[in-house]
Amino acid sequence: MAASYPQIVLFGDSIFQGAIDLVDGFSFHAALQSKVNRRYDVINRGLSGYNTSNALAVLPQVFSPPGPGVPKIECLFILLGANDACVPLPTNHQHVPLDKYKINLKRIITHPTITAHKPKIFLITPPPLDQIRITELDLASGHPSATRHAKISASYSEAARQVAAENAGVTLVDLWKAIMDTAIKKTPSFNPNGPPLGYPEGQRGYLEHLLPDGLHLSPESYRIFYDLVSSYIDSNDENRVLPEWRQAPWLEEDGHLKG
């Protein structure tokens, strides 16, 4: 049987789907694969537009139970919530209520197919939202109002933190905080006593560069995201699936060439 490479799986929405793209010389997925090359395969299962209900419904099609020929899931990174947090509108039907969002996250984390692999599970908070930019683009696209609100989206990020805290063995990766902290640091005019960045009564500030369309990550944000995620991945190059070339086996017929 062929050597089986354990997997690092990225399961989520468009933020993970877009992580595979190369933009301005950087690809989140490629950078992560480079860090773990020859030890793990990084598998991207980002599904644009999906909410937790969609993700839970297709989970049996995405993951296989452990068995012969099925690689072990070593690490599972889950990033869902940006679409659950959509505002219910006649033109948009992605919304999942906050309480149901939390239930769905827990069901994903505790799904028998997932737990059978005994992976390290990392739950990622949805990133901040720039409602100012989202409103501009949504109105231009024909929506009657913004499809997402910054305050509501922030509550889903907080819910993800709660789910991580309530489930033993789940590690929180706070993408919301990492991006917002960077935006605040790079916005000299930010007033900590005023509205948060991206809120309609405030300013975009440096979120303009981190969330160009108000929702999705820029290359700079993906670098922030990569630094956050890669800190949880060991760098032990010793654990290669196949040995380095000095210890690699030879064909018996070529044994005389080894010297």
C-alpha atoms as a PDB file:
ATOM      1  CA  MET A   1       0.000   0.000   0.000  1.00  0.00           C
ATOM      2  CA  ALA A   2       1.218   3.482  -0.812  1.00  0.00           C
ATOM      3  CA  ALA A   3       2.605   5.584   2.023  1.00  0.00           C
ATOM      4  CA  SER A   4      -0.166   7.607   3.637  1.00  0.00           C
ATOM      5  CA  TYR A   5       0.454  11.244   4.422  1.00  0.00           C
ATOM      6  CA  PRO A   6      -1.521  12.555   7.405  1.00  0.00           C
ATOM      7  CA  GLN A   7      -3.626  15.587   6.574  1.00  0.00           C
ATOM      8  CA  ILE A   8      -4.110  19.138   7.713  1.00  0.00           C
ATOM      9  CA  VAL A   9      -7.627  20.017   6.568  1.00  0.00           C
ATOM     10  CA  LEU A  10      -8.935  23.556   6.071  1.00  0.00           C
ATOM     11  CA  PHE A  11     -12.734  23.328   6.307  1.00  0.00           C
ATOM     12  CA  GLY A  12     -14.802  26.445   5.862  1.00  0.00           C
ATOM     13  CA  ASP A  13     -16.169  29.053   3.496  1.00  0.00           C
ATOM     14  CA  SER A  14     -14.748  31.409   0.871  1.00  0.00           C
ATOM     15  CA  ILE A  15     -12.023  32.653   3.198  1.00  0.00           C
ATOM     16  CA  PHE A  16     -10.440  29.202   3.082  1.00  0.00           C
ATOM     17  CA  GLN A  17     -11.356  28.699  -0.570  1.00  0.00           C
ATOM     18  CA  GLY A  18      -9.508  31.920  -1.429  1.00  0.00           C
ATOM     19  CA  ALA A  19      -6.524  30.858   0.676  1.00  0.00           C
ATOM     20  CA  ILE A  20      -5.300  28.745  -2.224  1.00  0.00           C
ATOM     21  CA  ASP A  21      -4.923  31.733  -4.585  1.00  0.00           C
ATOM     22  CA  LEU A  22      -1.582  33.392  -5.300  1.00  0.00           C
ATOM     23  CA  VAL A  23      -1.968  37.164  -4.960  1.00  0.00           C
ATOM     24  CA  ASP A  24       0.876  39.682  -4.744  1.00  0.00           C
ATOM     25  CA  GLY A  25       3.361  36.850  -4.413  1.00  0.00           C
ATOM     26  CA  PHE A  26       1.681  35.104  -1.475  1.00  0.00           C
ATOM     27  CA  SER A  27      -0.554  32.077  -1.093  1.00  0.00           C
ATOM     28  CA  PHE A  28      -1.706  31.013   2.378  1.00  0.00           C
ATOM     29  CA  HIS A  29      -2.195  27.427   1.264  1.00  0.00           C
ATOM     30  CA  ALA A  30       1.167  27.166  -0.494  1.00  0.00           C
ATOM     31  CA  ALA A  31       2.971  28.723   2.467  1.00  0.00           C
ATOM     32  CA  LEU A  32       1.380  26.251   4.864  1.00  0.00           C
ATOM     33  CA  GLN A  33       2.123  23.288   2.581  1.00  0.00           C
ATOM     34  CA  SER A  34       5.734  24.446   2.299  1.00  0.00           C
ATOM     35  CA  LYS A  35       6.045  24.511   6.092  1.00  0.00           C
ATOM     36  CA  VAL A  36       4.852  20.906   6.451  1.00  0.00           C
ATOM     37  CA  ASN A  37       6.013  19.456   3.131  1.00  0.00           C
ATOM     38  CA  ARG A  38       6.841  15.734   3.206  1.00  0.00           C
ATOM     39  CA  ARG A  39       5.171  15.443   6.608  1.00  0.00           C
ATOM     40  CA  TYR A  40       1.526  16.394   5.951  1.00  0.00           C
ATOM     41  CA  ASP A  41      -0.745  17.101   3.011  1.00  0.00           C
ATOM     42  CA  VAL A  42      -2.695  20.343   3.342  1.00  0.00           C
ATOM     43  CA  ILE A  43      -6.224  19.765   2.059  1.00  0.00           C
ATOM     44  CA  ASN A  44      -8.374  22.764   1.184  1.00  0.00           C
ATOM     45  CA  ARG A  45     -12.092  22.247   1.636  1.00  0.00           C
ATOM     46  CA  GLY A  46     -13.134  25.883   1.570  1.00  0.00           C
ATOM     47  CA  LEU A  47     -16.631  26.192   0.113  1.00  0.00           C
ATOM     48  CA  SER A  48     -17.580  29.706  -0.932  1.00  0.00           C
ATOM     49  CA  GLY A  49     -20.946  30.899   0.356  1.00  0.00           C
ATOM     50  CA  TYR A  50     -21.443  28.000   2.761  1.00  0.00           C
ATOM     51  CA  ASN A  51     -22.818  28.490   6.254  1.00  0.00           C
ATOM     52  CA  THR A  52     -22.620  25.956   9.101  1.00  0.00           C
ATOM     53  CA  SER A  53     -25.855  24.270   8.006  1.00  0.00           C
ATOM     54  CA  ASN A  54     -24.481  23.737   4.487  1.00  0.00           C
ATOM     55  CA  ALA A  55     -21.147  22.535   5.880  1.00  0.00           C
ATOM     56  CA  LEU A  56     -22.789  20.064   8.259  1.00  0.00           C
ATOM     57  CA  ALA A  57     -25.065  18.735   5.507  1.00  0.00           C
ATOM     58  CA  VAL A  58     -22.145  17.944   3.176  1.00  0.00           C
ATOM     59  CA  LEU A  59     -19.693  16.833   5.867  1.00  0.00           C
ATOM     60  CA  PRO A  60     -20.113  13.105   5.021  1.00  0.00           C
ATOM     61  CA  GLN A  61     -19.145  13.940   1.423  1.00  0.00           C
ATOM     62  CA  VAL A  62     -16.052  15.852   2.538  1.00  0.00           C
ATOM     63  CA  PHE A  63     -14.651  13.492   5.166  1.00  0.00           C
ATOM     64  CA  SER A  64     -14.263   9.717   5.166  1.00  0.00           C
ATOM     65  CA  PRO A  65     -14.145   7.612   8.338  1.00  0.00           C
ATOM     66  CA  PRO A  66     -10.755   6.095   9.162  1.00  0.00           C
ATOM     67  CA  GLY A  67     -10.032   2.937   7.231  1.00  0.00           C
ATOM     68  CA  PRO A  68      -7.634   1.265   4.812  1.00  0.00           C
ATOM     69  CA  GLY A  69      -6.296   3.799   2.344  1.00  0.00           C
ATOM     70  CA  VAL A  70      -7.877   6.746   4.194  1.00  0.00           C
ATOM     71  CA  PRO A  71      -5.282   9.288   5.396  1.00  0.00           C
ATOM     72  CA  LYS A  72      -5.483  10.308   9.026  1.00  0.00           C
ATOM     73  CA  ILE A  73      -6.698  13.831   9.732  1.00  0.00           C
ATOM     74  CA  GLU A  74      -3.987  15.176  12.001  1.00  0.00           C
ATOM     75  CA  CYS A  75      -5.255  18.759  12.265  1.00  0.00           C
ATOM     76  CA  LEU A  76      -8.648  20.209  11.401  1.00  0.00           C
ATOM     77  CA  PHE A  77      -9.017  23.979  11.061  1.00  0.00           C
ATOM     78  CA  ILE A  78     -12.641  25.156  10.958  1.00  0.00           C
ATOM     79  CA  LEU A  79     -13.585  28.637   9.766  1.00  0.00           C
ATOM     80  CA  LEU A  80     -17.309  29.250   9.377  1.00  0.00           C
ATOM     81  CA  GLY A  81     -19.665  32.042  10.381  1.00  0.00           C
ATOM     82  CA  ALA A  82     -19.249  34.919   7.958  1.00  0.00           C
ATOM     83  CA  ASN A  83     -22.253  33.670   5.969  1.00  0.00           C
ATOM     84  CA  ASP A  84     -24.278  32.536   8.987  1.00  0.00           C
ATOM     85  CA  ALA A  85     -24.059  36.159  10.153  1.00  0.00           C
ATOM     86  CA  CYS A  86     -25.782  37.528   7.045  1.00  0.00           C
ATOM     87  CA  VAL A  87     -28.862  39.646   7.682  1.00  0.00           C
ATOM     88  CA  PRO A  88     -32.091  37.966   6.467  1.00  0.00           C
ATOM     89  CA  LEU A  89     -33.119  39.788   3.299  1.00  0.00           C
ATOM     90  CA  PRO A  90     -35.365  38.971   0.330  1.00  0.00           C
ATOM     91  CA  THR A  91     -32.184  38.961  -1.753  1.00  0.00           C
ATOM     92  CA  ASN A  92     -30.051  36.824   0.579  1.00  0.00           C
ATOM     93  CA  HIS A  93     -30.799  33.534   2.335  1.00  0.00           C
ATOM     94  CA  GLN A  94     -27.550  32.540   4.041  1.00  0.00           C
ATOM     95  CA  HIS A  95     -28.519  33.531   7.596  1.00  0.00           C
ATOM     96  CA  VAL A  96     -28.310  31.015  10.437  1.00  0.00           C
ATOM     97  CA  PRO A  97     -29.477  32.276  13.871  1.00  0.00           C
ATOM     98  CA  LEU A  98     -26.723  32.733  16.436  1.00  0.00           C
ATOM     99  CA  ASP A  99     -27.869  29.936  18.763  1.00  0.00           C
ATOM    100  CA  LYS A 100     -28.172  27.514  15.842  1.00  0.00           C
ATOM    101  CA  TYR A 101     -24.734  28.576  14.620  1.00  0.00           C
ATOM    102  CA  LYS A 102     -23.257  27.506  17.943  1.00  0.00           C
ATOM    103  CA  ILE A 103     -25.131  24.200  17.847  1.00  0.00           C
ATOM    104  CA  ASN A 104     -23.937  23.521  14.306  1.00  0.00           C
ATOM    105  CA  LEU A 105     -20.310  24.280  15.187  1.00  0.00           C
ATOM    106  CA  LYS A 106     -20.481  21.835  18.070  1.00  0.00           C
ATOM    107  CA  ARG A 107     -22.057  19.194  15.819  1.00  0.00           C
ATOM    108  CA  ILE A 108     -19.200  19.579  13.340  1.00  0.00           C
ATOM    109  CA  ILE A 109     -16.563  19.328  16.083  1.00  0.00           C
ATOM    110  CA  THR A 110     -18.214  16.254  17.623  1.00  0.00           C
ATOM    111  CA  HIS A 111     -19.295  14.538  14.401  1.00  0.00           C
ATOM    112  CA  PRO A 112     -18.435  10.809  14.643  1.00  0.00           C
ATOM    113  CA  THR A 113     -16.488  10.866  11.390  1.00  0.00           C
ATOM    114  CA  ILE A 114     -14.341  13.715  12.708  1.00  0.00           C
ATOM    115  CA  THR A 115     -13.790  12.348  16.203  1.00  0.00           C
ATOM    116  CA  ALA A 116     -12.847   8.932  14.807  1.00  0.00           C
ATOM    117  CA  HIS A 117      -9.674  10.496  13.390  1.00  0.00           C
ATOM    118  CA  LYS A 118      -8.809  11.998  16.788  1.00  0.00           C
ATOM    119  CA  PRO A 119      -7.498  15.193  15.175  1.00  0.00           C
ATOM    120  CA  LYS A 120      -6.286  18.345  16.808  1.00  0.00           C
ATOM    121  CA  ILE A 121      -9.228  20.693  16.241  1.00  0.00           C
ATOM    122  CA  PHE A 122      -8.775  24.432  15.776  1.00  0.00           C
ATOM    123  CA  LEU A 123     -11.814  26.705  15.700  1.00  0.00           C
ATOM    124  CA  ILE A 124     -11.215  30.026  13.962  1.00  0.00           C
ATOM    125  CA  THR A 125     -13.239  33.155  14.598  1.00  0.00           C
ATOM    126  CA  PRO A 126     -14.705  34.805  11.499  1.00  0.00           C
ATOM    127  CA  PRO A 127     -12.704  37.955  10.690  1.00  0.00           C
ATOM    128  CA  PRO A 128     -13.959  41.494  11.304  1.00  0.00           C
ATOM    129  CA  LEU A 129     -16.402  43.079   8.886  1.00  0.00           C
ATOM    130  CA  ASP A 130     -16.099  46.483   7.239  1.00  0.00           C
ATOM    131  CA  GLN A 131     -19.771  47.399   7.072  1.00  0.00           C
ATOM    132  CA  ILE A 132     -19.015  50.714   5.390  1.00  0.00           C
ATOM    133  CA  ARG A 133     -17.512  48.986   2.340  1.00  0.00           C
ATOM    134  CA  ILE A 134     -19.996  46.100   2.400  1.00  0.00           C
ATOM    135  CA  THR A 135     -22.898  48.568   2.277  1.00  0.00           C
ATOM    136  CA  GLU A 136     -21.457  50.328  -0.780  1.00  0.00           C
ATOM    137  CA  LEU A 137     -21.005  47.087  -2.678  1.00  0.00           C
ATOM    138  CA  ASP A 138     -24.306  45.496  -1.599  1.00  0.00           C
ATOM    139  CA  LEU A 139     -26.367  48.515  -2.633  1.00  0.00           C
ATOM    140  CA  ALA A 140     -24.556  48.588  -5.975  1.00  0.00           C
ATOM    141  CA  SER A 141     -25.386  44.874  -6.407  1.00  0.00           C
ATOM    142  CA  GLY A 142     -29.116  45.452  -5.952  1.00  0.00           C
ATOM    143  CA  HIS A 143     -29.613  44.509  -2.315  1.00  0.00           C
ATOM    144  CA  PRO A 144     -32.049  46.796  -0.453  1.00  0.00           C
ATOM    145  CA  SER A 145     -29.497  47.238   2.354  1.00  0.00           C
ATOM    146  CA  ALA A 146     -26.254  45.765   3.635  1.00  0.00           C
ATOM    147  CA  THR A 147     -26.252  41.958   3.732  1.00  0.00           C
ATOM    148  CA  ARG A 148     -23.982  42.006   6.782  1.00  0.00           C
ATOM    149  CA  HIS A 149     -23.618  44.222   9.840  1.00  0.00           C
ATOM    150  CA  ALA A 150     -20.328  44.611  11.692  1.00  0.00           C
ATOM    151  CA  LYS A 151     -21.898  44.331  15.140  1.00  0.00           C
ATOM    152  CA  ILE A 152     -23.796  41.165  14.228  1.00  0.00           C
ATOM    153  CA  SER A 153     -20.727  39.601  12.627  1.00  0.00           C
ATOM    154  CA  ALA A 154     -18.704  40.363  15.756  1.00  0.00           C
ATOM    155  CA  SER A 155     -21.292  38.468  17.822  1.00  0.00           C
ATOM    156  CA  TYR A 156     -20.701  35.363  15.690  1.00  0.00           C
ATOM    157  CA  SER A 157     -16.968  35.649  16.299  1.00  0.00           C
ATOM    158  CA  GLU A 158     -17.690  35.827  20.004  1.00  0.00           C
ATOM    159  CA  ALA A 159     -19.932  32.768  19.699  1.00  0.00           C
ATOM    160  CA  ALA A 160     -17.062  30.853  18.084  1.00  0.00           C
ATOM    161  CA  ARG A 161     -14.877  31.781  21.062  1.00  0.00           C
ATOM    162  CA  GLN A 162     -17.555  30.416  23.395  1.00  0.00           C
ATOM    163  CA  VAL A 163     -17.858  27.149  21.482  1.00  0.00           C
ATOM    164  CA  ALA A 164     -14.081  26.660  21.593  1.00  0.00           C
ATOM    165  CA  ALA A 165     -14.049  27.334  25.348  1.00  0.00           C
ATOM    166  CA  GLU A 166     -16.954  24.942  25.982  1.00  0.00           C
ATOM    167  CA  ASN A 167     -15.471  21.979  24.108  1.00  0.00           C
ATOM    168  CA  ALA A 168     -12.454  20.260  25.615  1.00  0.00           C
ATOM    169  CA  GLY A 169      -9.543  19.765  23.273  1.00  0.00           C
ATOM    170  CA  VAL A 170     -10.600  22.519  20.870  1.00  0.00           C
ATOM    171  CA  THR A 171      -8.078  25.324  20.342  1.00  0.00           C
ATOM    172  CA  LEU A 172      -9.255  28.833  19.526  1.00  0.00           C
ATOM    173  CA  VAL A 173      -7.566  30.739  16.695  1.00  0.00           C
ATOM    174  CA  ASP A 174      -8.736  34.345  17.017  1.00  0.00           C
ATOM    175  CA  LEU A 175      -8.523  35.717  13.484  1.00  0.00           C
ATOM    176  CA  TRP A 176     -10.974  38.519  14.316  1.00  0.00           C
ATOM    177  CA  LYS A 177      -8.643  39.874  16.994  1.00  0.00           C
ATOM    178  CA  ALA A 178      -5.473  39.489  14.924  1.00  0.00           C
ATOM    179  CA  ILE A 179      -6.879  41.459  11.998  1.00  0.00           C
ATOM    180  CA  MET A 180      -8.605  44.097  14.124  1.00  0.00           C
ATOM    181  CA  ASP A 181      -5.490  44.613  16.248  1.00  0.00           C
ATOM    182  CA  THR A 182      -3.454  45.194  13.081  1.00  0.00           C
ATOM    183  CA  ALA A 183      -6.048  47.586  11.674  1.00  0.00           C
ATOM    184  CA  ILE A 184      -6.141  49.629  14.884  1.00  0.00           C
ATOM    185  CA  LYS A 185      -2.350  49.738  15.095  1.00  0.00           C
ATOM    186  CA  LYS A 186      -2.147  51.060  11.531  1.00  0.00           C
ATOM    187  CA  THR A 187      -4.949  53.621  11.864  1.00  0.00           C
ATOM    188  CA  PRO A 188      -3.387  56.657  13.593  1.00  0.00           C
ATOM    189  CA  SER A 189      -6.753  58.452  13.803  1.00  0.00           C
ATOM    190  CA  PHE A 190      -8.498  55.594  15.604  1.00  0.00           C
ATOM    191  CA  ASN A 191     -10.218  56.674  18.811  1.00  0.00           C
ATOM    192  CA  PRO A 192     -10.582  53.794  21.303  1.00  0.00           C
ATOM    193  CA  ASN A 193     -13.485  55.665  22.895  1.00  0.00           C
ATOM    194  CA  GLY A 194     -15.313  55.914  19.569  1.00  0.00           C
ATOM    195  CA  PRO A 195     -16.976  53.351  17.326  1.00  0.00           C
ATOM    196  CA  PRO A 196     -14.965  50.304  16.212  1.00  0.00           C
ATOM    197  CA  LEU A 197     -13.357  50.337  12.788  1.00  0.00           C
ATOM    198  CA  GLY A 198     -15.734  49.308  10.033  1.00  0.00           C
ATOM    199  CA  TYR A 199     -18.876  50.347  11.880  1.00  0.00           C
ATOM    200  CA  PRO A 200     -21.173  52.670   9.872  1.00  0.00           C
ATOM    201  CA  GLU A 201     -20.886  55.479  12.404  1.00  0.00           C
ATOM    202  CA  GLY A 202     -17.097  55.289  12.338  1.00  0.00           C
ATOM    203  CA  GLN A 203     -14.338  54.917   9.741  1.00  0.00           C
ATOM    204  CA  ARG A 204     -12.784  52.149   7.679  1.00  0.00           C
ATOM    205  CA  GLY A 205      -9.271  53.000   8.728  1.00  0.00           C
ATOM    206  CA  TYR A 206      -6.700  50.356   7.803  1.00  0.00           C
ATOM    207  CA  LEU A 207      -9.461  47.787   7.291  1.00  0.00           C
ATOM    208  CA  GLU A 208      -9.564  49.301   3.816  1.00  0.00           C
ATOM    209  CA  HIS A 209      -6.294  47.471   3.135  1.00  0.00           C
ATOM    210  CA  LEU A 210      -7.023  44.318   5.126  1.00  0.00           C
ATOM    211  CA  LEU A 211     -10.594  43.715   3.871  1.00  0.00           C
ATOM    212  CA  PRO A 212     -10.776  45.303   0.399  1.00  0.00           C
ATOM    213  CA  ASP A 213     -14.402  44.316  -0.219  1.00  0.00           C
ATOM    214  CA  GLY A 214     -15.300  44.570   3.457  1.00  0.00           C
ATOM    215  CA  LEU A 215     -15.409  40.802   3.940  1.00  0.00           C
ATOM    216  CA  HIS A 216     -12.616  38.864   2.227  1.00  0.00           C
ATOM    217  CA  LEU A 217      -8.956  38.951   3.144  1.00  0.00           C
ATOM    218  CA  SER A 218      -6.268  40.865   1.303  1.00  0.00           C
ATOM    219  CA  PRO A 219      -2.813  39.289   0.808  1.00  0.00           C
ATOM    220  CA  GLU A 220      -1.658  41.209   3.886  1.00  0.00           C
ATOM    221  CA  SER A 221      -4.503  39.699   5.910  1.00  0.00           C
ATOM    222  CA  TYR A 222      -3.719  36.227   4.625  1.00  0.00           C
ATOM    223  CA  ARG A 223      -0.144  36.706   5.834  1.00  0.00           C
ATOM    224  CA  ILE A 224      -1.497  37.638   9.277  1.00  0.00           C
ATOM    225  CA  PHE A 225      -3.735  34.577   9.118  1.00  0.00           C
ATOM    226  CA  TYR A 226      -0.834  32.345   8.084  1.00  0.00           C
ATOM    227  CA  ASP A 227       1.364  33.557  10.947  1.00  0.00           C
ATOM    228  CA  LEU A 228      -1.492  32.809  13.333  1.00  0.00           C
ATOM    229  CA  VAL A 229      -2.187  29.296  12.021  1.00  0.00           C
ATOM    230  CA  SER A 230       1.424  28.252  11.431  1.00  0.00           C
ATOM    231  CA  SER A 231       2.261  28.981  15.067  1.00  0.00           C
ATOM    232  CA  TYR A 232       0.180  25.917  15.974  1.00  0.00           C
ATOM    233  CA  ILE A 233       1.954  23.610  13.499  1.00  0.00           C
ATOM    234  CA  ASP A 234       5.154  21.929  14.629  1.00  0.00           C
ATOM    235  CA  SER A 235       8.284  22.511  12.567  1.00  0.00           C
ATOM    236  CA  ASN A 236       9.935  19.161  13.268  1.00  0.00           C
ATOM    237  CA  ASP A 237      11.359  18.179   9.909  1.00  0.00           C
ATOM    238  CA  GLU A 238      12.371  14.803  11.308  1.00  0.00           C
ATOM    239  CA  ASN A 239       8.866  13.327  10.986  1.00  0.00           C
ATOM    240  CA  ARG A 240       8.914  12.819   7.243  1.00  0.00           C
ATOM    241  CA  VAL A 241       6.686  10.138   5.792  1.00  0.00           C
ATOM    242  CA  LEU A 242       9.511   8.984   3.504  1.00  0.00           C
ATOM    243  CA  PRO A 243      13.171   9.221   4.537  1.00  0.00           C
ATOM    244  CA  GLU A 244      15.540  11.871   3.301  1.00  0.00           C
ATOM    245  CA  TRP A 245      17.651  10.823   0.336  1.00  0.00           C
ATOM    246  CA  ARG A 246      20.669   9.544   2.301  1.00  0.00           C
ATOM    247  CA  GLN A 247      18.472   6.941   3.997  1.00  0.00           C
ATOM    248  CA  ALA A 248      16.233   6.272   1.002  1.00  0.00           C
ATOM    249  CA  PRO A 249      16.066   2.645  -0.170  1.00  0.00           C
ATOM    250  CA  TRP A 250      17.563   1.559  -3.489  1.00  0.00           C
ATOM    251  CA  LEU A 251      16.417  -1.053  -5.937  1.00  0.00           C
ATOM    252  CA  GLU A 252      18.248  -4.287  -5.168  1.00  0.00           C
ATOM    253  CA  GLU A 253      19.581  -4.360  -8.714  1.00  0.00           C
ATOM    254  CA  ASP A 254      21.172  -0.936  -8.216  1.00  0.00           C
ATOM    255  CA  GLY A 255      22.679  -1.651  -4.803  1.00  0.00           C
ATOM    256  CA  HIS A 256      26.215  -1.616  -6.218  1.00  0.00           C
ATOM    257  CA  LEU A 257      25.787   2.056  -7.094  1.00  0.00           C
ATOM    258  CA  LYS A 258      25.431   3.191  -3.492  1.00  0.00           C
ATOM    259  CA  GLY A 259      29.169   3.122  -2.868  1.00  0.00           C
END
